[in-house]
């Protein structure tokens, strides 16, 4: 079982946590519930005709918690990397196998690890949202500050999580659910 720290609790971070926790991995989300989603009203989120951003955040958090992820309402003050990743917050430090950054437009913590950035300051990622440092991902506005949207961020979080799941399994992984036979 891998341990993953997710810094940021918007759609990207919560989506990553959902896929990881649902598949038996330890997902710890750090965030103060101050996502830009609280200023949004969604009419363009596939499968939901419309929803207030704050209500979306509430439902998403409950879903993530229901699958066993941990959501810590605290600010991360530092991150570091050795053989594992250390996250320092108000309550202390934690050690993790992977990091997923979903910090928003100004990913200061991600940049503090020396990750490659482009001319706009966005974290450079590949198509799996992996950064230049193995085991570190950047999703949402951290990777796409000018072209982001809730459903895109959620998809990026899911993509990063599936990449972690595949790496841990040593093979490609899909996450298909089937209805119960009842």
Protein backbone atom coordinates (compact mmCIF):
# COMPACT_ATOMS: atom_id res chain seq x y z
CA UNK A 1 0.00 0.00 0.00
CA UNK A 2 1.40 3.37 -1.03
CA UNK A 3 1.05 6.52 1.03
CA UNK A 4 0.23 9.69 -0.89
CA UNK A 5 0.13 13.27 0.36
CA UNK A 6 -2.21 15.47 -1.65
CA UNK A 7 -1.69 19.17 -1.16
CA UNK A 8 -4.83 21.01 -2.14
CA UNK A 9 -8.45 20.07 -1.68
CA UNK A 10 -10.15 21.29 -4.85
CA UNK A 11 -11.49 18.95 -7.55
CA UNK A 12 -8.01 17.78 -8.64
CA UNK A 13 -6.80 16.90 -5.16
CA UNK A 14 -10.05 15.31 -4.05
CA UNK A 15 -10.30 13.27 -7.25
CA UNK A 16 -6.78 11.91 -6.75
CA UNK A 17 -7.65 11.02 -3.15
CA UNK A 18 -10.85 9.28 -4.23
CA UNK A 19 -9.14 6.98 -6.75
CA UNK A 20 -6.26 6.18 -4.40
CA UNK A 21 -8.36 5.50 -1.30
CA UNK A 22 -10.94 3.54 -3.27
CA UNK A 23 -8.13 1.24 -4.40
CA UNK A 24 -6.74 0.62 -0.92
CA UNK A 25 -3.94 3.19 -0.75
CA UNK A 26 -3.35 5.72 1.99
CA UNK A 27 -4.45 9.14 0.74
CA UNK A 28 -3.98 12.18 2.97
CA UNK A 29 -5.38 15.47 1.71
CA UNK A 30 -4.10 18.73 3.15
CA UNK A 31 -6.28 21.76 2.56
CA UNK A 32 -8.13 24.62 4.19
CA UNK A 33 -11.29 24.26 2.09
CA UNK A 34 -10.55 27.58 0.38
CA UNK A 35 -10.72 26.25 -3.18
CA UNK A 36 -11.75 28.56 -5.99
CA UNK A 37 -14.74 26.22 -6.26
CA UNK A 38 -16.41 28.26 -3.52
CA UNK A 39 -16.73 31.07 -6.07
CA UNK A 40 -18.10 28.82 -8.82
CA UNK A 41 -21.46 27.64 -9.99
CA UNK A 42 -21.26 24.61 -12.26
CA UNK A 43 -23.46 24.07 -15.31
CA UNK A 44 -20.79 22.23 -17.29
CA UNK A 45 -19.76 19.32 -15.07
CA UNK A 46 -20.64 16.13 -16.89
CA UNK A 47 -23.35 14.15 -15.09
CA UNK A 48 -24.49 17.07 -12.92
CA UNK A 49 -27.02 19.45 -14.45
CA UNK A 50 -26.01 22.25 -12.07
CA UNK A 51 -24.50 22.65 -8.61
CA UNK A 52 -23.12 25.40 -6.42
CA UNK A 53 -19.35 25.11 -6.05
CA UNK A 54 -19.49 25.00 -2.25
CA UNK A 55 -22.08 22.21 -2.38
CA UNK A 56 -19.88 20.36 -4.89
CA UNK A 57 -16.93 20.63 -2.49
CA UNK A 58 -19.04 19.33 0.41
CA UNK A 59 -20.27 16.31 -1.57
CA UNK A 60 -16.77 15.58 -2.94
CA UNK A 61 -15.20 15.71 0.54
CA UNK A 62 -17.87 13.38 1.94
CA UNK A 63 -17.29 10.94 -0.93
CA UNK A 64 -13.52 10.94 -0.38
CA UNK A 65 -13.91 10.45 3.37
CA UNK A 66 -16.36 7.61 2.72
CA UNK A 67 -13.64 5.70 0.87
CA UNK A 68 -11.21 6.12 3.77
CA UNK A 69 -9.07 9.05 2.73
CA UNK A 70 -7.94 11.44 5.44
CA UNK A 71 -8.66 15.15 5.01
CA UNK A 72 -6.61 17.41 7.24
CA UNK A 73 -7.81 20.99 7.44
CA UNK A 74 -4.41 22.50 7.88
CA UNK A 75 -1.87 24.46 5.91
CA UNK A 76 1.28 22.80 4.65
CA UNK A 77 4.30 24.95 5.46
CA UNK A 78 7.07 22.92 3.82
CA UNK A 79 7.82 19.87 1.71
CA UNK A 80 11.10 18.06 1.21
CA UNK A 81 12.42 15.06 -0.64
CA UNK A 82 14.89 12.30 0.23
CA UNK A 83 14.01 8.63 -0.35
CA UNK A 84 10.47 9.66 0.68
CA UNK A 85 8.60 12.94 0.77
CA UNK A 86 8.16 14.87 3.98
CA UNK A 87 5.21 17.19 4.45
CA UNK A 88 5.28 19.68 7.31
CA UNK A 89 2.06 21.25 8.50
CA UNK A 90 0.72 22.97 11.60
CA UNK A 91 0.37 19.65 13.41
CA UNK A 92 3.77 18.16 12.55
CA UNK A 93 5.31 16.13 9.76
CA UNK A 94 4.29 13.16 7.68
CA UNK A 95 6.31 10.90 5.40
CA UNK A 96 4.91 9.71 2.07
CA UNK A 97 5.79 7.66 -1.01
CA UNK A 98 4.22 10.17 -3.43
CA UNK A 99 3.13 13.80 -3.59
CA UNK A 100 0.26 15.26 -5.60
CA UNK A 101 0.17 19.04 -5.78
CA UNK A 102 -3.13 20.77 -6.47
CA UNK A 103 -2.14 24.14 -5.03
CA UNK A 104 -3.81 26.39 -7.54
CA UNK A 105 -2.24 29.14 -9.64
CA UNK A 106 0.72 29.77 -7.37
CA UNK A 107 2.26 26.38 -6.54
CA UNK A 108 4.95 27.67 -4.17
CA UNK A 109 5.41 24.37 -2.34
CA UNK A 110 5.83 22.45 -5.61
CA UNK A 111 8.37 25.01 -6.81
CA UNK A 112 10.27 24.68 -3.51
CA UNK A 113 11.21 21.12 -4.59
CA UNK A 114 12.93 22.53 -7.68
CA UNK A 115 10.39 21.12 -10.12
CA UNK A 116 10.67 22.27 -13.72
CA UNK A 117 8.40 25.23 -14.49
CA UNK A 118 7.47 26.91 -17.76
CA UNK A 119 7.64 30.61 -18.63
CA UNK A 120 4.30 31.25 -16.87
CA UNK A 121 5.48 29.57 -13.66
CA UNK A 122 3.28 26.50 -14.12
CA UNK A 123 4.70 23.13 -13.11
CA UNK A 124 5.79 21.20 -16.21
CA UNK A 125 4.12 17.77 -16.34
CA UNK A 126 3.78 14.89 -18.76
CA UNK A 127 0.47 13.46 -19.95
CA UNK A 128 0.12 11.54 -16.67
CA UNK A 129 0.64 14.81 -14.73
CA UNK A 130 4.00 13.57 -13.42
CA UNK A 131 6.52 16.34 -12.78
CA UNK A 132 10.28 16.38 -13.35
CA UNK A 133 10.81 14.74 -9.93
CA UNK A 134 9.81 11.04 -9.81
CA UNK A 135 6.87 10.44 -7.51
CA UNK A 136 5.61 14.03 -7.69
CA UNK A 137 2.53 15.10 -9.65
CA UNK A 138 0.92 18.49 -10.29
CA UNK A 139 -2.73 18.77 -11.26
CA UNK A 140 -5.32 21.47 -11.81
CA UNK A 141 -4.22 25.08 -11.89
CA UNK A 142 -0.73 24.13 -10.66
CA UNK A 143 -0.09 22.63 -14.11
CA UNK A 144 -2.62 24.63 -16.18
CA UNK A 145 -3.08 28.02 -14.50
CA UNK A 146 -4.69 29.72 -17.48
CA UNK A 147 -6.71 26.84 -18.89
CA UNK A 148 -8.28 25.14 -15.97
CA UNK A 149 -11.81 24.11 -15.12
CA UNK A 150 -13.27 21.90 -12.40
CA UNK A 151 -13.87 18.84 -14.57
CA UNK A 152 -10.41 19.14 -16.16
CA UNK A 153 -8.82 19.36 -12.72
CA UNK A 154 -10.77 16.34 -11.49
CA UNK A 155 -9.67 14.37 -14.56
CA UNK A 156 -6.05 15.36 -13.96
CA UNK A 157 -6.28 14.17 -10.36
CA UNK A 158 -7.74 10.85 -11.52
CA UNK A 159 -4.99 10.52 -14.16
CA UNK A 160 -2.24 11.10 -11.60
CA UNK A 161 -3.84 8.61 -9.21
CA UNK A 162 -4.12 5.95 -11.93
CA UNK A 163 -0.44 6.47 -12.77
CA UNK A 164 0.48 5.90 -9.12
CA UNK A 165 -1.78 2.82 -8.99
CA UNK A 166 -0.16 1.44 -12.15
CA UNK A 167 3.35 2.04 -10.83
CA UNK A 168 2.50 0.31 -7.56
CA UNK A 169 0.86 -2.64 -9.37
CA UNK A 170 3.69 -2.96 -11.89
CA UNK A 171 1.17 -2.95 -14.74
CA UNK A 172 -1.48 -0.79 -16.34
CA UNK A 173 -4.50 -0.21 -14.13
CA UNK A 174 -8.06 0.73 -14.94
CA UNK A 175 -10.72 1.66 -12.44
CA UNK A 176 -13.98 0.25 -13.73
CA UNK A 177 -16.91 -0.35 -11.43
CA UNK A 178 -19.83 -2.60 -12.22
CA UNK A 179 -23.31 -2.44 -10.74
CA UNK A 180 -24.08 -5.03 -8.10
CA UNK A 181 -25.92 -8.15 -9.24
CA UNK A 182 -28.71 -7.54 -6.69
